[in-house]
Amino acid sequence: MAQTSAIVGELKRQLRSHGLTYQDVAEALDLSEASVKRLFSEKQFSLKRLDQICALMGMEISDVVRKLSPELEVEQLSQEQERELVSDVRLLLVAVCAMNRWQFQEIHQVYDVPETDLIGYLAKLDRMGVLELLPGNRFKLLVSHDFAWQPGGPIQRFFEAEVQQDFLKCRFNHPGELRLFASGMLSAQSNEVVQQKLKRLALEFRHCHEEDLALPLEHRFGVSLLMAMRPWEIEAFDSFRRPEARKDYPPFGR
């Protein structure tokens, strides 16, 4: 059963990499989309069905099985590679799109990046190990699910300088927008409890992102989640603290 699950999982990944949806599979198999979803959910494939789906991608069943062999995936780029990304915003744009499973034509249609330039950017990302450029301007993403930018590295500094303030210039009062701000006094133990819950929320966000990568681009939209928590007192209040109070009642963590 474990091998069956692995094969079905790889089959789903290959469909995504080829830009195919359950609806495309349904049309090829002359089934309803609901029936195809049930096949993948229950993992009940006959060899004939499996062969038909592989043929839709121009693959053999043996190709899918070979894909199951472990491959080294990129979990982090070097400082130098991150600097190369932020040195060219369009290269960074293409990298982010690729990591979100956009296809070549989707990037070209949405953004003003000439085809020749786009191919060049993908070739750069290929050399960096972010993806593998395939014939027909297709590409296979090589970053792991646990991929993360360098802590305090060029990408994070770019975010702090260029993105953070722009992100917060919003009233957060439209559908799909939410801003929550809570302030209070916590013990060190309660502070740790809340931080662990925030980490679980971030993990849930990541899981939803990975599940939705199977959807067509028109059914997805960019969403950013910013969570922050630190011992802090507004400077206007802190300026009134008595010197002796700073010793007897120091702000948490100082």
C-alpha atoms as a PDB file:
ATOM      1  CA  MET A   1       0.000   0.000   0.000  1.00  0.00           C
ATOM      2  CA  ALA A   2       2.905   2.339   0.755  1.00  0.00           C
ATOM      3  CA  GLN A   3       4.298   1.814  -2.745  1.00  0.00           C
ATOM      4  CA  THR A   4       0.864   2.430  -4.267  1.00  0.00           C
ATOM      5  CA  SER A   5       0.565   5.708  -2.360  1.00  0.00           C
ATOM      6  CA  ALA A   6       4.043   6.741  -3.493  1.00  0.00           C
ATOM      7  CA  ILE A   7       3.221   6.008  -7.151  1.00  0.00           C
ATOM      8  CA  VAL A   8      -0.064   7.939  -6.973  1.00  0.00           C
ATOM      9  CA  GLY A   9       1.707  10.825  -5.256  1.00  0.00           C
ATOM     10  CA  GLU A  10       4.352  10.937  -7.962  1.00  0.00           C
ATOM     11  CA  LEU A  11       1.668  10.713 -10.638  1.00  0.00           C
ATOM     12  CA  LYS A  12      -0.008  13.809  -9.168  1.00  0.00           C
ATOM     13  CA  ARG A  13       3.321  15.663  -9.066  1.00  0.00           C
ATOM     14  CA  GLN A  14       3.992  14.802 -12.707  1.00  0.00           C
ATOM     15  CA  LEU A  15       0.551  16.016 -13.741  1.00  0.00           C
ATOM     16  CA  ARG A  16       1.241  19.340 -12.012  1.00  0.00           C
ATOM     17  CA  SER A  17       4.669  19.660 -13.646  1.00  0.00           C
ATOM     18  CA  HIS A  18       3.055  19.080 -17.058  1.00  0.00           C
ATOM     19  CA  GLY A  19       0.387  21.699 -16.343  1.00  0.00           C
ATOM     20  CA  LEU A  20      -2.428  19.130 -16.403  1.00  0.00           C
ATOM     21  CA  THR A  21      -5.520  19.153 -14.179  1.00  0.00           C
ATOM     22  CA  TYR A  22      -8.000  16.509 -13.076  1.00  0.00           C
ATOM     23  CA  GLN A  23     -10.339  17.888 -15.751  1.00  0.00           C
ATOM     24  CA  ASP A  24      -7.717  17.163 -18.436  1.00  0.00           C
ATOM     25  CA  VAL A  25      -7.377  13.604 -17.131  1.00  0.00           C
ATOM     26  CA  ALA A  26     -11.169  13.223 -17.059  1.00  0.00           C
ATOM     27  CA  GLU A  27     -11.462  14.210 -20.718  1.00  0.00           C
ATOM     28  CA  ALA A  28      -8.660  11.846 -21.726  1.00  0.00           C
ATOM     29  CA  LEU A  29     -10.244   8.912 -19.854  1.00  0.00           C
ATOM     30  CA  ASP A  30     -13.811   9.835 -20.837  1.00  0.00           C
ATOM     31  CA  LEU A  31     -14.784  10.105 -17.161  1.00  0.00           C
ATOM     32  CA  SER A  32     -16.257  12.807 -14.988  1.00  0.00           C
ATOM     33  CA  GLU A  33     -13.878  14.990 -12.981  1.00  0.00           C
ATOM     34  CA  ALA A  34     -15.483  13.642  -9.797  1.00  0.00           C
ATOM     35  CA  SER A  35     -14.657  10.074 -10.869  1.00  0.00           C
ATOM     36  CA  VAL A  36     -11.030  11.016 -11.502  1.00  0.00           C
ATOM     37  CA  LYS A  37     -10.762  12.688  -8.091  1.00  0.00           C
ATOM     38  CA  ARG A  38     -12.185   9.513  -6.543  1.00  0.00           C
ATOM     39  CA  LEU A  39      -9.580   7.391  -8.378  1.00  0.00           C
ATOM     40  CA  PHE A  40      -6.761   9.483  -6.931  1.00  0.00           C
ATOM     41  CA  SER A  41      -8.339   9.654  -3.481  1.00  0.00           C
ATOM     42  CA  GLU A  42      -8.964   5.904  -3.228  1.00  0.00           C
ATOM     43  CA  LYS A  43      -5.762   5.044  -5.144  1.00  0.00           C
ATOM     44  CA  GLN A  44      -7.643   2.419  -7.143  1.00  0.00           C
ATOM     45  CA  PHE A  45      -5.950   2.434 -10.558  1.00  0.00           C
ATOM     46  CA  SER A  46      -5.984  -0.402 -13.037  1.00  0.00           C
ATOM     47  CA  LEU A  47      -2.833  -0.769 -15.112  1.00  0.00           C
ATOM     48  CA  LYS A  48      -4.849   0.352 -18.134  1.00  0.00           C
ATOM     49  CA  ARG A  49      -5.928   3.573 -16.414  1.00  0.00           C
ATOM     50  CA  LEU A  50      -2.411   4.214 -15.151  1.00  0.00           C
ATOM     51  CA  ASP A  51      -1.002   3.691 -18.645  1.00  0.00           C
ATOM     52  CA  GLN A  52      -3.587   6.081 -20.126  1.00  0.00           C
ATOM     53  CA  ILE A  53      -2.697   8.846 -17.662  1.00  0.00           C
ATOM     54  CA  CYS A  54       1.015   8.368 -18.286  1.00  0.00           C
ATOM     55  CA  ALA A  55       0.415   8.506 -22.048  1.00  0.00           C
ATOM     56  CA  LEU A  56      -1.354  11.842 -21.565  1.00  0.00           C
ATOM     57  CA  MET A  57       1.976  13.214 -20.289  1.00  0.00           C
ATOM     58  CA  GLY A  58       4.055  11.414 -22.918  1.00  0.00           C
ATOM     59  CA  MET A  59       5.439   9.066 -20.259  1.00  0.00           C
ATOM     60  CA  GLU A  60       5.564   5.356 -19.536  1.00  0.00           C
ATOM     61  CA  ILE A  61       4.591   3.791 -16.213  1.00  0.00           C
ATOM     62  CA  SER A  62       8.260   2.930 -15.745  1.00  0.00           C
ATOM     63  CA  ASP A  63       9.115   6.658 -16.030  1.00  0.00           C
ATOM     64  CA  VAL A  64       6.851   7.431 -13.077  1.00  0.00           C
ATOM     65  CA  VAL A  65       8.354   4.613 -11.014  1.00  0.00           C
ATOM     66  CA  ARG A  66      11.879   5.875 -11.752  1.00  0.00           C
ATOM     67  CA  LYS A  67      10.877   9.290 -10.474  1.00  0.00           C
ATOM     68  CA  LEU A  68      10.362   7.718  -7.057  1.00  0.00           C
ATOM     69  CA  SER A  69      14.103   7.288  -6.572  1.00  0.00           C
ATOM     70  CA  PRO A  70      15.339   9.837  -4.050  1.00  0.00           C
ATOM     71  CA  GLU A  71      16.735  13.035  -5.523  1.00  0.00           C
ATOM     72  CA  LEU A  72      18.736  15.762  -3.856  1.00  0.00           C
ATOM     73  CA  GLU A  73      16.523  18.823  -3.446  1.00  0.00           C
ATOM     74  CA  VAL A  74      17.626  22.369  -2.759  1.00  0.00           C
ATOM     75  CA  GLU A  75      16.699  23.463   0.754  1.00  0.00           C
ATOM     76  CA  GLN A  76      18.517  26.799   0.693  1.00  0.00           C
ATOM     77  CA  LEU A  77      20.469  28.985  -1.702  1.00  0.00           C
ATOM     78  CA  SER A  78      23.867  30.447  -0.902  1.00  0.00           C
ATOM     79  CA  GLN A  79      24.330  34.104   0.011  1.00  0.00           C
ATOM     80  CA  GLU A  80      25.901  34.673  -3.413  1.00  0.00           C
ATOM     81  CA  GLN A  81      22.956  33.075  -5.205  1.00  0.00           C
ATOM     82  CA  GLU A  82      20.480  35.175  -3.228  1.00  0.00           C
ATOM     83  CA  ARG A  83      22.460  38.317  -4.089  1.00  0.00           C
ATOM     84  CA  GLU A  84      22.206  37.347  -7.762  1.00  0.00           C
ATOM     85  CA  LEU A  85      18.436  37.068  -7.438  1.00  0.00           C
ATOM     86  CA  VAL A  86      17.944  40.464  -5.796  1.00  0.00           C
ATOM     87  CA  SER A  87      20.328  42.126  -8.266  1.00  0.00           C
ATOM     88  CA  ASP A  88      17.712  41.609 -11.001  1.00  0.00           C
ATOM     89  CA  VAL A  89      14.102  42.019  -9.901  1.00  0.00           C
ATOM     90  CA  ARG A  90      12.788  40.266 -13.015  1.00  0.00           C
ATOM     91  CA  LEU A  91      14.979  37.243 -12.246  1.00  0.00           C
ATOM     92  CA  LEU A  92      13.574  37.222  -8.710  1.00  0.00           C
ATOM     93  CA  LEU A  93      10.055  37.520 -10.152  1.00  0.00           C
ATOM     94  CA  VAL A  94      10.578  34.502 -12.424  1.00  0.00           C
ATOM     95  CA  ALA A  95      12.082  32.509  -9.528  1.00  0.00           C
ATOM     96  CA  VAL A  96       9.071  33.229  -7.290  1.00  0.00           C
ATOM     97  CA  CYS A  97       6.647  32.340 -10.099  1.00  0.00           C
ATOM     98  CA  ALA A  98       8.488  29.075 -10.776  1.00  0.00           C
ATOM     99  CA  MET A  99       8.423  28.182  -7.077  1.00  0.00           C
ATOM    100  CA  ASN A 100       4.665  28.707  -7.179  1.00  0.00           C
ATOM    101  CA  ARG A 101       4.353  26.262 -10.115  1.00  0.00           C
ATOM    102  CA  TRP A 102       3.620  28.814 -12.809  1.00  0.00           C
ATOM    103  CA  GLN A 103       4.233  27.538 -16.330  1.00  0.00           C
ATOM    104  CA  PHE A 104       6.306  29.335 -18.984  1.00  0.00           C
ATOM    105  CA  GLN A 105       3.343  30.719 -20.929  1.00  0.00           C
ATOM    106  CA  GLU A 106       1.589  31.851 -17.756  1.00  0.00           C
ATOM    107  CA  ILE A 107       4.595  33.927 -16.686  1.00  0.00           C
ATOM    108  CA  HIS A 108       4.933  35.374 -20.197  1.00  0.00           C
ATOM    109  CA  GLN A 109       1.222  36.228 -20.470  1.00  0.00           C
ATOM    110  CA  VAL A 110       0.941  37.879 -17.056  1.00  0.00           C
ATOM    111  CA  TYR A 111       4.254  39.741 -16.897  1.00  0.00           C
ATOM    112  CA  ASP A 112       6.073  41.885 -19.451  1.00  0.00           C
ATOM    113  CA  VAL A 113       9.041  39.578 -19.846  1.00  0.00           C
ATOM    114  CA  PRO A 114      10.018  38.811 -23.478  1.00  0.00           C
ATOM    115  CA  GLU A 115      10.230  35.109 -24.295  1.00  0.00           C
ATOM    116  CA  THR A 116      13.969  35.233 -24.989  1.00  0.00           C
ATOM    117  CA  ASP A 117      14.613  36.964 -21.658  1.00  0.00           C
ATOM    118  CA  LEU A 118      12.343  34.511 -19.854  1.00  0.00           C
ATOM    119  CA  ILE A 119      14.266  31.563 -21.302  1.00  0.00           C
ATOM    120  CA  GLY A 120      17.479  33.218 -20.146  1.00  0.00           C
ATOM    121  CA  TYR A 121      16.155  33.668 -16.620  1.00  0.00           C
ATOM    122  CA  LEU A 122      15.045  30.042 -16.474  1.00  0.00           C
ATOM    123  CA  ALA A 123      18.487  28.982 -17.699  1.00  0.00           C
ATOM    124  CA  LYS A 124      20.048  30.990 -14.844  1.00  0.00           C
ATOM    125  CA  LEU A 125      17.741  29.301 -12.337  1.00  0.00           C
ATOM    126  CA  ASP A 126      18.730  25.960 -13.875  1.00  0.00           C
ATOM    127  CA  ARG A 127      22.409  26.743 -13.270  1.00  0.00           C
ATOM    128  CA  MET A 128      21.584  27.750  -9.697  1.00  0.00           C
ATOM    129  CA  GLY A 129      19.883  24.393  -9.115  1.00  0.00           C
ATOM    130  CA  VAL A 130      16.448  25.905  -8.470  1.00  0.00           C
ATOM    131  CA  LEU A 131      14.900  24.057 -11.412  1.00  0.00           C
ATOM    132  CA  GLU A 132      15.709  21.794 -14.341  1.00  0.00           C
ATOM    133  CA  LEU A 133      14.956  23.350 -17.712  1.00  0.00           C
ATOM    134  CA  LEU A 134      13.298  20.811 -20.031  1.00  0.00           C
ATOM    135  CA  PRO A 135      12.534  20.772 -23.776  1.00  0.00           C
ATOM    136  CA  GLY A 136       9.647  22.949 -24.893  1.00  0.00           C
ATOM    137  CA  ASN A 137      10.348  25.602 -22.226  1.00  0.00           C
ATOM    138  CA  ARG A 138       9.016  23.302 -19.537  1.00  0.00           C
ATOM    139  CA  PHE A 139      10.841  23.023 -16.248  1.00  0.00           C
ATOM    140  CA  LYS A 140      10.946  20.850 -13.168  1.00  0.00           C
ATOM    141  CA  LEU A 141      11.251  22.542  -9.793  1.00  0.00           C
ATOM    142  CA  LEU A 142      14.098  21.190  -7.661  1.00  0.00           C
ATOM    143  CA  VAL A 143      13.527  22.981  -4.342  1.00  0.00           C
ATOM    144  CA  SER A 144      12.290  20.967  -1.377  1.00  0.00           C
ATOM    145  CA  HIS A 145       9.057  21.545   0.518  1.00  0.00           C
ATOM    146  CA  ASP A 146      11.213  22.835   3.380  1.00  0.00           C
ATOM    147  CA  PHE A 147      13.000  25.409   1.230  1.00  0.00           C
ATOM    148  CA  ALA A 148      13.780  28.629   3.098  1.00  0.00           C
ATOM    149  CA  TRP A 149      15.688  31.825   2.385  1.00  0.00           C
ATOM    150  CA  GLN A 150      18.907  32.549   4.270  1.00  0.00           C
ATOM    151  CA  PRO A 151      18.122  34.027   7.738  1.00  0.00           C
ATOM    152  CA  GLY A 152      19.120  37.666   7.541  1.00  0.00           C
ATOM    153  CA  GLY A 153      20.344  37.082   3.986  1.00  0.00           C
ATOM    154  CA  PRO A 154      19.918  39.183   0.817  1.00  0.00           C
ATOM    155  CA  ILE A 155      16.323  38.064   0.180  1.00  0.00           C
ATOM    156  CA  GLN A 156      15.192  38.834   3.728  1.00  0.00           C
ATOM    157  CA  ARG A 157      16.966  42.201   3.619  1.00  0.00           C
ATOM    158  CA  PHE A 158      15.252  42.910   0.288  1.00  0.00           C
ATOM    159  CA  PHE A 159      11.935  42.082   1.950  1.00  0.00           C
ATOM    160  CA  GLU A 160      12.633  44.417   4.861  1.00  0.00           C
ATOM    161  CA  ALA A 161      13.717  47.270   2.587  1.00  0.00           C
ATOM    162  CA  GLU A 162      11.318  46.954  -0.348  1.00  0.00           C
ATOM    163  CA  VAL A 163       8.366  44.785   0.574  1.00  0.00           C
ATOM    164  CA  GLN A 164       7.505  45.115   4.254  1.00  0.00           C
ATOM    165  CA  GLN A 165       6.388  48.757   4.218  1.00  0.00           C
ATOM    166  CA  ASP A 166       4.526  48.275   0.927  1.00  0.00           C
ATOM    167  CA  PHE A 167       2.699  45.265   2.395  1.00  0.00           C
ATOM    168  CA  LEU A 168       1.538  47.255   5.423  1.00  0.00           C
ATOM    169  CA  LYS A 169       0.269  50.233   3.372  1.00  0.00           C
ATOM    170  CA  CYS A 170      -3.244  48.824   3.423  1.00  0.00           C
ATOM    171  CA  ARG A 171      -6.412  49.319   5.479  1.00  0.00           C
ATOM    172  CA  PHE A 172      -7.062  45.540   5.468  1.00  0.00           C
ATOM    173  CA  ASN A 173     -10.811  46.078   5.070  1.00  0.00           C
ATOM    174  CA  HIS A 174     -11.544  44.260   1.809  1.00  0.00           C
ATOM    175  CA  PRO A 175     -12.542  40.609   1.236  1.00  0.00           C
ATOM    176  CA  GLY A 176      -9.571  38.318   1.765  1.00  0.00           C
ATOM    177  CA  GLU A 177      -7.779  40.874   3.964  1.00  0.00           C
ATOM    178  CA  LEU A 178      -7.326  40.672   7.710  1.00  0.00           C
ATOM    179  CA  ARG A 179      -5.233  42.543  10.232  1.00  0.00           C
ATOM    180  CA  LEU A 180      -5.176  41.619  13.902  1.00  0.00           C
ATOM    181  CA  PHE A 181      -3.176  43.416  16.548  1.00  0.00           C
ATOM    182  CA  ALA A 182      -3.100  42.213  20.131  1.00  0.00           C
ATOM    183  CA  SER A 183      -1.177  43.696  23.007  1.00  0.00           C
ATOM    184  CA  GLY A 184      -0.961  42.549  26.600  1.00  0.00           C
ATOM    185  CA  MET A 185       1.341  41.325  29.324  1.00  0.00           C
ATOM    186  CA  LEU A 186       2.441  37.691  29.249  1.00  0.00           C
ATOM    187  CA  SER A 187       4.727  35.479  31.247  1.00  0.00           C
ATOM    188  CA  ALA A 188       7.706  33.888  29.513  1.00  0.00           C
ATOM    189  CA  GLN A 189       5.810  30.583  29.490  1.00  0.00           C
ATOM    190  CA  SER A 190       2.695  32.070  27.867  1.00  0.00           C
ATOM    191  CA  ASN A 191       4.852  33.887  25.346  1.00  0.00           C
ATOM    192  CA  GLU A 192       6.372  30.548  24.302  1.00  0.00           C
ATOM    193  CA  VAL A 193       2.935  28.892  24.065  1.00  0.00           C
ATOM    194  CA  VAL A 194       1.635  31.584  21.704  1.00  0.00           C
ATOM    195  CA  GLN A 195       4.794  31.423  19.583  1.00  0.00           C
ATOM    196  CA  GLN A 196       4.370  27.666  19.119  1.00  0.00           C
ATOM    197  CA  LYS A 197       0.778  28.205  17.992  1.00  0.00           C
ATOM    198  CA  LEU A 198       1.919  30.826  15.479  1.00  0.00           C
ATOM    199  CA  LYS A 199       4.477  28.357  14.114  1.00  0.00           C
ATOM    200  CA  ARG A 200       1.720  25.749  13.670  1.00  0.00           C
ATOM    201  CA  LEU A 201      -0.387  28.333  11.834  1.00  0.00           C
ATOM    202  CA  ALA A 202       2.523  29.073   9.504  1.00  0.00           C
ATOM    203  CA  LEU A 203       2.857  25.325   8.860  1.00  0.00           C
ATOM    204  CA  GLU A 204      -0.866  25.072   8.078  1.00  0.00           C
ATOM    205  CA  PHE A 205      -0.499  27.974   5.633  1.00  0.00           C
ATOM    206  CA  ARG A 206       2.343  26.067   3.952  1.00  0.00           C
ATOM    207  CA  HIS A 207       0.274  22.883   3.710  1.00  0.00           C
ATOM    208  CA  CYS A 208      -2.628  24.782   2.094  1.00  0.00           C
ATOM    209  CA  HIS A 209      -0.180  26.335  -0.366  1.00  0.00           C
ATOM    210  CA  GLU A 210       1.192  22.920  -1.351  1.00  0.00           C
ATOM    211  CA  GLU A 211      -2.281  21.392  -1.777  1.00  0.00           C
ATOM    212  CA  ASP A 212      -3.476  24.291  -3.941  1.00  0.00           C
ATOM    213  CA  LEU A 213      -0.497  24.034  -6.296  1.00  0.00           C
ATOM    214  CA  ALA A 214      -2.508  21.369  -8.137  1.00  0.00           C
ATOM    215  CA  LEU A 215      -5.153  23.958  -9.081  1.00  0.00           C
ATOM    216  CA  PRO A 216      -5.020  25.922 -12.352  1.00  0.00           C
ATOM    217  CA  LEU A 217      -3.407  29.348 -12.036  1.00  0.00           C
ATOM    218  CA  GLU A 218      -6.720  31.161 -12.546  1.00  0.00           C
ATOM    219  CA  HIS A 219      -8.022  29.552  -9.352  1.00  0.00           C
ATOM    220  CA  ARG A 220      -5.086  30.773  -7.231  1.00  0.00           C
ATOM    221  CA  PHE A 221      -3.925  34.212  -6.167  1.00  0.00           C
ATOM    222  CA  GLY A 222      -0.936  35.519  -4.271  1.00  0.00           C
ATOM    223  CA  VAL A 223      -1.441  35.707  -0.520  1.00  0.00           C
ATOM    224  CA  SER A 224       1.046  36.879   2.088  1.00  0.00           C
ATOM    225  CA  LEU A 225       0.844  36.190   5.797  1.00  0.00           C
ATOM    226  CA  LEU A 226       2.924  38.282   8.171  1.00  0.00           C
ATOM    227  CA  MET A 227       3.137  37.215  11.795  1.00  0.00           C
ATOM    228  CA  ALA A 228       5.224  39.037  14.358  1.00  0.00           C
ATOM    229  CA  MET A 229       5.552  38.805  18.100  1.00  0.00           C
ATOM    230  CA  ARG A 230       8.152  40.307  20.416  1.00  0.00           C
ATOM    231  CA  PRO A 231       8.494  41.841  23.880  1.00  0.00           C
ATOM    232  CA  TRP A 232       7.815  45.480  23.157  1.00  0.00           C
ATOM    233  CA  GLU A 233       6.510  48.706  24.608  1.00  0.00           C
ATOM    234  CA  ILE A 234       5.625  51.704  22.513  1.00  0.00           C
ATOM    235  CA  GLU A 235       8.475  54.216  22.654  1.00  0.00           C
ATOM    236  CA  ALA A 236       6.142  57.001  23.782  1.00  0.00           C
ATOM    237  CA  PHE A 237       5.344  54.957  26.916  1.00  0.00           C
ATOM    238  CA  ASP A 238       8.858  53.657  27.496  1.00  0.00           C
ATOM    239  CA  SER A 239      10.215  57.198  27.605  1.00  0.00           C
ATOM    240  CA  PHE A 240       8.221  57.819  30.801  1.00  0.00           C
ATOM    241  CA  ARG A 241       9.706  54.877  32.707  1.00  0.00           C
ATOM    242  CA  ARG A 242      11.466  55.806  35.926  1.00  0.00           C
ATOM    243  CA  PRO A 243      15.118  54.709  36.077  1.00  0.00           C
ATOM    244  CA  GLU A 244      14.431  52.508  39.105  1.00  0.00           C
ATOM    245  CA  ALA A 245      11.489  50.898  37.298  1.00  0.00           C
ATOM    246  CA  ARG A 246      13.771  49.783  34.515  1.00  0.00           C
ATOM    247  CA  LYS A 247      15.674  47.735  37.090  1.00  0.00           C
ATOM    248  CA  ASP A 248      12.732  46.368  39.079  1.00  0.00           C
ATOM    249  CA  TYR A 249      10.314  45.927  36.167  1.00  0.00           C
ATOM    250  CA  PRO A 250      12.438  45.481  33.046  1.00  0.00           C
ATOM    251  CA  PRO A 251      10.762  44.826  29.735  1.00  0.00           C
ATOM    252  CA  PHE A 252      10.653  41.087  29.100  1.00  0.00           C
ATOM    253  CA  GLY A 253      13.889  39.695  27.698  1.00  0.00           C
ATOM    254  CA  ARG A 254      16.089  42.729  28.468  1.00  0.00           C
END
